[in-house]
Amino acid sequence: MKAALTPRYGSPETVRIGDHPTPSPAAADVLVRVAAAAVTTADWRMRASAFPGGLWLPGRMMTGLFRPRNPVLGSAFAGTVTALGPDAKGFAAGDRVFGFAPHGAHAEYLAIKSDAAIAPLPDRLSFEDAAALPFGAASALVFLRDIAGLASGEHILIVGASGATGSYAVQIAKALGAEVTAVASAGNKDLVRSLGADQFVDYRAADPLAVTAGYDVIFDTVGATTFRRAGAALRPTGRFVPLNFSMLDAGRAALSNLGKGPTMKIAVSGDTRAILDDL
């Protein structure tokens, strides 16, 4: 099969299209013919070995110390089941599916366990639209619903509201009943408004944090602010939730939860079948 191969860490020019063995489904696997796959910031970090903060060495230990252990990157995918292992359950050949794999989605075929993060694809969704869901939408759902505990009637500030995660965060926050103030560039105002944002702030023209106790949740999807800056803009029970964080942030989050006042909530989002079904 053809695949996008990353034989070494580096710039986008390191990626090349070449031949790679077609995976054979193991006993509990399904084999998917990939119709669409997303290129995410996680793929960029693994390809460039650009792990944040003090996570460089753990990241390299996970992905390959000297070169990528798995040369085919790609996690978010959509496609059609073509074969199944004898113990695979819940799917049949011909099923349209989407999901999130550890790696291997940037190829013509992908083998994934049938009980992993893979779900039936509704007929109303195209392969291209579905491939965008497991990264941006799943992250937004987990961070807002489960980590931030966003409740109906609360006011949330979403920084980076036009990005892969932020654009879904606007929609999910509205579905949860929250008031949404979205931060993006002026050129994305119409897009963000169309997604349901109640207020819009052009970060080049105004400081969205120049309010006192204005928000219940601040969700930073792009690493544009810090807990120190966000604290004054949060209400006493407010939560600052960064999508990306460093080891120092982990310590700050732990300390913030020991006292009174706004807190910092951090976690690593992991895709599961249940989350895909919720989407």
Protein backbone atom coordinates (compact mmCIF):
# COMPACT_ATOMS: atom_id res chain seq x y z
CA MET A 1 0.00 0.00 0.00
CA LYS A 2 0.97 3.65 -0.28
CA ALA A 3 1.63 5.63 2.88
CA ALA A 4 3.06 8.95 4.06
CA LEU A 5 6.37 7.87 5.59
CA THR A 6 8.38 9.78 8.19
CA PRO A 7 11.77 8.03 8.39
CA ARG A 8 13.34 10.68 10.65
CA TYR A 9 12.39 13.64 12.81
CA GLY A 10 12.42 17.01 11.08
CA SER A 11 10.56 19.46 8.86
CA PRO A 12 7.58 18.60 6.62
CA GLU A 13 10.08 17.82 3.86
CA THR A 14 11.06 14.64 5.71
CA VAL A 15 7.67 13.12 4.86
CA ARG A 16 7.52 11.17 1.60
CA ILE A 17 4.95 8.99 -0.15
CA GLY A 18 6.17 5.44 -0.52
CA ASP A 19 5.34 1.76 -0.32
CA HIS A 20 4.66 0.22 3.07
CA PRO A 21 3.39 -3.24 4.03
CA THR A 22 -0.39 -3.47 4.20
CA PRO A 23 -1.34 -4.41 7.79
CA SER A 24 -3.04 -7.72 8.43
CA PRO A 25 -5.80 -7.61 11.04
CA ALA A 26 -4.95 -9.43 14.26
CA ALA A 27 -7.55 -11.60 15.97
CA ALA A 28 -9.57 -8.71 17.45
CA ASP A 29 -8.77 -6.13 14.74
CA VAL A 30 -10.72 -4.54 11.94
CA LEU A 31 -8.94 -3.48 8.76
CA VAL A 32 -10.07 -0.07 7.49
CA ARG A 33 -9.54 1.34 4.01
CA VAL A 34 -8.79 4.95 4.91
CA ALA A 35 -10.80 7.49 2.94
CA ALA A 36 -9.74 10.59 4.88
CA ALA A 37 -7.29 11.36 7.67
CA ALA A 38 -6.52 14.55 9.56
CA VAL A 39 -3.10 16.11 10.04
CA THR A 40 -3.17 17.40 13.60
CA THR A 41 -0.88 19.29 15.94
CA ALA A 42 -0.13 15.94 17.58
CA ASP A 43 1.14 14.64 14.22
CA TRP A 44 3.26 17.79 13.86
CA ARG A 45 4.74 17.36 17.32
CA MET A 46 5.64 13.73 16.66
CA ARG A 47 7.09 14.44 13.22
CA ALA A 48 9.14 17.42 14.41
CA SER A 49 9.86 16.02 17.89
CA ALA A 50 8.43 19.30 19.20
CA PHE A 51 7.21 18.19 22.60
CA PRO A 52 6.30 21.03 25.01
CA GLY A 53 8.07 22.01 28.20
CA GLY A 54 9.89 19.22 29.99
CA LEU A 55 8.16 16.53 27.94
CA TRP A 56 10.83 16.26 25.22
CA LEU A 57 12.63 13.23 26.64
CA PRO A 58 9.46 11.35 27.67
CA GLY A 59 8.06 12.14 24.22
CA ARG A 60 11.12 10.74 22.46
CA MET A 61 11.07 7.66 24.66
CA MET A 62 7.46 7.10 23.61
CA THR A 63 7.82 7.75 19.87
CA GLY A 64 11.40 6.59 19.26
CA LEU A 65 14.63 7.93 20.71
CA PHE A 66 16.63 8.39 17.50
CA ARG A 67 13.96 8.08 14.79
CA PRO A 68 10.19 7.53 14.72
CA ARG A 69 9.44 4.01 15.90
CA ASN A 70 6.34 4.00 13.71
CA PRO A 71 7.14 5.73 10.39
CA VAL A 72 3.46 6.08 9.44
CA LEU A 73 1.90 8.86 11.51
CA GLY A 74 -1.73 9.90 11.68
CA SER A 75 -4.37 9.22 14.29
CA ALA A 76 -7.74 10.68 13.26
CA PHE A 77 -9.33 8.79 10.37
CA ALA A 78 -12.51 7.79 8.56
CA GLY A 79 -13.04 4.99 6.10
CA THR A 80 -14.62 1.62 5.34
CA VAL A 81 -14.11 -1.73 7.04
CA THR A 82 -12.71 -4.24 4.54
CA ALA A 83 -11.74 -7.20 6.73
CA LEU A 84 -11.99 -8.42 10.31
CA GLY A 85 -10.05 -10.73 12.58
CA PRO A 86 -11.90 -13.80 13.89
CA ASP A 87 -12.49 -12.23 17.32
CA ALA A 88 -13.46 -8.74 16.15
CA LYS A 89 -16.90 -7.64 17.35
CA GLY A 90 -19.39 -4.93 16.51
CA PHE A 91 -18.46 -4.33 12.88
CA ALA A 92 -18.87 -5.93 9.47
CA ALA A 93 -17.16 -5.56 6.12
CA GLY A 94 -18.55 -2.51 4.34
CA ASP A 95 -19.27 -0.51 7.51
CA ARG A 96 -18.42 3.19 7.38
CA VAL A 97 -16.40 4.09 10.46
CA PHE A 98 -14.32 6.85 12.03
CA GLY A 99 -11.95 6.87 14.93
CA PHE A 100 -8.64 7.61 16.57
CA ALA A 101 -5.63 5.28 16.36
CA PRO A 102 -2.22 5.55 18.05
CA HIS A 103 -0.61 5.91 14.61
CA GLY A 104 -0.87 4.61 11.05
CA ALA A 105 -3.79 6.62 9.65
CA HIS A 106 -1.71 8.38 6.96
CA ALA A 107 -1.89 5.30 4.76
CA GLU A 108 -4.30 3.47 2.50
CA TYR A 109 -5.12 0.88 5.17
CA LEU A 110 -5.19 0.86 8.96
CA ALA A 111 -5.62 -2.03 11.40
CA ILE A 112 -7.22 -1.16 14.74
CA LYS A 113 -8.75 -3.19 17.57
CA SER A 114 -12.52 -3.43 17.32
CA ASP A 115 -12.94 -2.31 20.95
CA ALA A 116 -10.66 0.72 20.56
CA ALA A 117 -11.64 4.29 19.64
CA ILE A 118 -13.59 3.39 16.50
CA ALA A 119 -17.29 3.98 15.92
CA PRO A 120 -19.93 3.73 13.18
CA LEU A 121 -20.05 6.79 10.93
CA PRO A 122 -23.52 8.36 10.57
CA ASP A 123 -24.72 8.55 6.96
CA ARG A 124 -25.13 12.33 7.20
CA LEU A 125 -21.38 12.85 7.68
CA SER A 126 -18.79 12.74 4.91
CA PHE A 127 -15.49 10.94 5.43
CA GLU A 128 -13.71 14.30 5.38
CA ASP A 129 -15.91 15.83 8.06
CA ALA A 130 -15.71 12.72 10.22
CA ALA A 131 -11.91 12.59 10.10
CA ALA A 132 -11.82 16.01 11.77
CA LEU A 133 -13.95 14.92 14.73
CA PRO A 134 -11.70 12.63 16.82
CA PHE A 135 -9.03 15.28 17.42
CA GLY A 136 -10.74 18.67 17.69
CA ALA A 137 -14.27 17.73 18.71
CA ALA A 138 -13.36 14.94 21.10
CA SER A 139 -10.79 17.13 22.84
CA ALA A 140 -13.28 19.98 23.17
CA LEU A 141 -15.95 17.68 24.61
CA VAL A 142 -13.65 16.11 27.19
CA PHE A 143 -12.05 19.38 28.28
CA LEU A 144 -15.32 21.31 28.59
CA ARG A 145 -17.70 18.67 29.93
CA ASP A 146 -15.41 16.44 31.97
CA ILE A 147 -12.40 18.55 32.99
CA ALA A 148 -13.86 22.05 33.27
CA GLY A 149 -17.29 20.80 34.34
CA LEU A 150 -18.93 23.53 32.26
CA ALA A 151 -22.55 23.96 33.33
CA SER A 152 -25.60 25.54 31.75
CA GLY A 153 -25.72 29.28 32.39
CA GLU A 154 -21.98 29.67 32.93
CA HIS A 155 -19.86 32.09 30.92
CA ILE A 156 -16.86 30.66 29.07
CA LEU A 157 -14.02 32.44 27.26
CA ILE A 158 -12.58 30.33 24.43
CA VAL A 159 -9.14 31.47 23.28
CA GLY A 160 -8.32 30.29 19.76
CA ALA A 161 -11.97 29.84 18.86
CA SER A 162 -11.39 29.40 15.13
CA GLY A 163 -8.93 26.52 15.40
CA ALA A 164 -9.40 22.75 15.21
CA THR A 165 -10.35 22.42 18.88
CA GLY A 166 -11.69 25.93 19.48
CA SER A 167 -14.27 25.83 16.68
CA TYR A 168 -15.79 22.67 18.15
CA ALA A 169 -15.50 24.10 21.67
CA VAL A 170 -17.78 26.99 20.69
CA GLN A 171 -20.46 24.59 19.45
CA ILE A 172 -20.16 22.18 22.37
CA ALA A 173 -20.23 25.00 24.94
CA LYS A 174 -23.45 26.30 23.40
CA ALA A 175 -24.91 22.78 23.40
CA LEU A 176 -24.10 22.60 27.12
CA GLY A 177 -26.05 25.82 27.67
CA ALA A 178 -23.15 28.20 28.30
CA GLU A 179 -22.66 31.81 27.27
CA VAL A 180 -19.66 31.95 24.92
CA THR A 181 -17.15 34.73 24.36
CA ALA A 182 -14.85 33.72 21.53
CA VAL A 183 -11.33 35.02 20.88
CA ALA A 184 -9.83 34.88 17.39
CA SER A 185 -8.54 37.17 14.66
CA ALA A 186 -10.89 39.63 12.95
CA GLY A 187 -10.82 37.60 9.74
CA ASN A 188 -12.49 34.69 11.52
CA LYS A 189 -15.25 36.71 13.17
CA ASP A 190 -18.02 35.57 10.80
CA LEU A 191 -16.96 31.93 11.12
CA VAL A 192 -16.93 32.00 14.91
CA ARG A 193 -20.23 33.87 15.08
CA SER A 194 -21.81 31.31 12.74
CA LEU A 195 -20.77 28.56 15.16
CA GLY A 196 -22.83 30.18 17.90
CA ALA A 197 -20.53 32.54 19.82
CA ASP A 198 -22.46 35.17 21.80
CA GLN A 199 -19.59 37.68 21.89
CA PHE A 200 -16.44 38.01 19.81
CA VAL A 201 -13.07 39.55 20.72
CA ASP A 202 -10.37 40.30 18.15
CA TYR A 203 -7.23 39.57 20.14
CA ARG A 204 -5.26 42.09 18.07
CA ALA A 205 -7.62 44.93 18.99
CA ALA A 206 -8.61 44.18 22.59
CA ASP A 207 -7.49 42.20 25.61
CA PRO A 208 -10.15 39.58 26.40
CA LEU A 209 -8.74 39.23 29.92
CA ALA A 210 -9.22 42.92 30.74
CA VAL A 211 -12.26 42.16 32.88
CA THR A 212 -12.60 41.37 36.57
CA ALA A 213 -14.29 38.12 37.58
CA GLY A 214 -16.02 37.92 34.24
CA TYR A 215 -15.78 34.23 33.36
CA ASP A 216 -16.57 30.88 34.93
CA VAL A 217 -14.22 29.04 32.57
CA ILE A 218 -11.32 30.13 30.38
CA PHE A 219 -10.39 27.48 27.81
CA ASP A 220 -7.06 28.27 26.12
CA THR A 221 -6.63 26.11 23.03
CA VAL A 222 -3.50 27.84 21.68
CA GLY A 223 -1.24 28.53 24.66
CA ALA A 224 -1.88 32.28 24.51
CA THR A 225 -2.22 32.96 28.23
CA THR A 226 -1.26 31.71 31.69
CA PHE A 227 -3.04 30.93 34.93
CA ARG A 228 -1.48 34.05 36.48
CA ARG A 229 -3.04 36.28 33.80
CA ALA A 230 -6.31 34.40 33.64
CA GLY A 231 -6.90 34.38 37.39
CA ALA A 232 -8.11 37.97 37.68
CA ALA A 233 -10.62 37.45 34.88
CA LEU A 234 -12.14 34.39 36.54
CA ARG A 235 -14.93 34.32 39.09
CA PRO A 236 -14.09 32.89 42.56
CA THR A 237 -15.09 29.39 41.45
CA GLY A 238 -13.64 29.84 37.97
CA ARG A 239 -11.50 27.28 36.14
CA PHE A 240 -8.59 27.92 33.80
CA VAL A 241 -8.23 25.00 31.38
CA PRO A 242 -5.23 24.99 28.99
CA LEU A 243 -5.22 22.50 26.14
CA ASN A 244 -1.42 22.20 26.34
CA PHE A 245 0.68 22.41 29.48
CA SER A 246 4.20 21.95 30.84
CA MET A 247 5.50 20.13 33.89
CA LEU A 248 5.54 23.47 35.73
CA ASP A 249 1.88 23.93 34.87
CA ALA A 250 1.14 20.54 36.45
CA GLY A 251 2.60 21.82 39.70
CA ARG A 252 0.69 25.08 39.49
CA ALA A 253 -2.55 23.21 38.87
CA ALA A 254 -2.00 20.99 41.91
CA LEU A 255 -1.31 23.99 44.14
CA SER A 256 -4.31 25.93 42.84
CA ASN A 257 -6.65 23.13 43.87
CA LEU A 258 -5.43 23.25 47.48
CA GLY A 259 -6.73 26.73 48.26
CA LYS A 260 -9.67 29.00 47.59
CA GLY A 261 -10.34 30.97 44.45
CA PRO A 262 -9.92 30.12 40.77
CA THR A 263 -8.30 26.81 39.90
CA MET A 264 -6.27 25.43 37.03
CA LYS A 265 -7.46 22.14 35.54
CA ILE A 266 -5.13 20.06 33.38
CA ALA A 267 -5.45 16.60 31.87
CA VAL A 268 -4.56 14.59 28.81
CA SER A 269 -7.52 13.84 26.58
CA GLY A 270 -7.79 10.23 25.48
CA ASP A 271 -10.24 9.19 22.78
CA THR A 272 -12.53 6.26 23.52
CA ARG A 273 -15.48 4.63 21.78
CA ALA A 274 -17.79 6.22 24.37
CA ILE A 275 -16.54 9.72 23.54
CA LEU A 276 -16.95 9.12 19.80
CA ASP A 277 -20.51 7.90 20.41
CA ASP A 278 -21.25 11.04 22.45
CA LEU A 279 -20.15 13.22 19.55
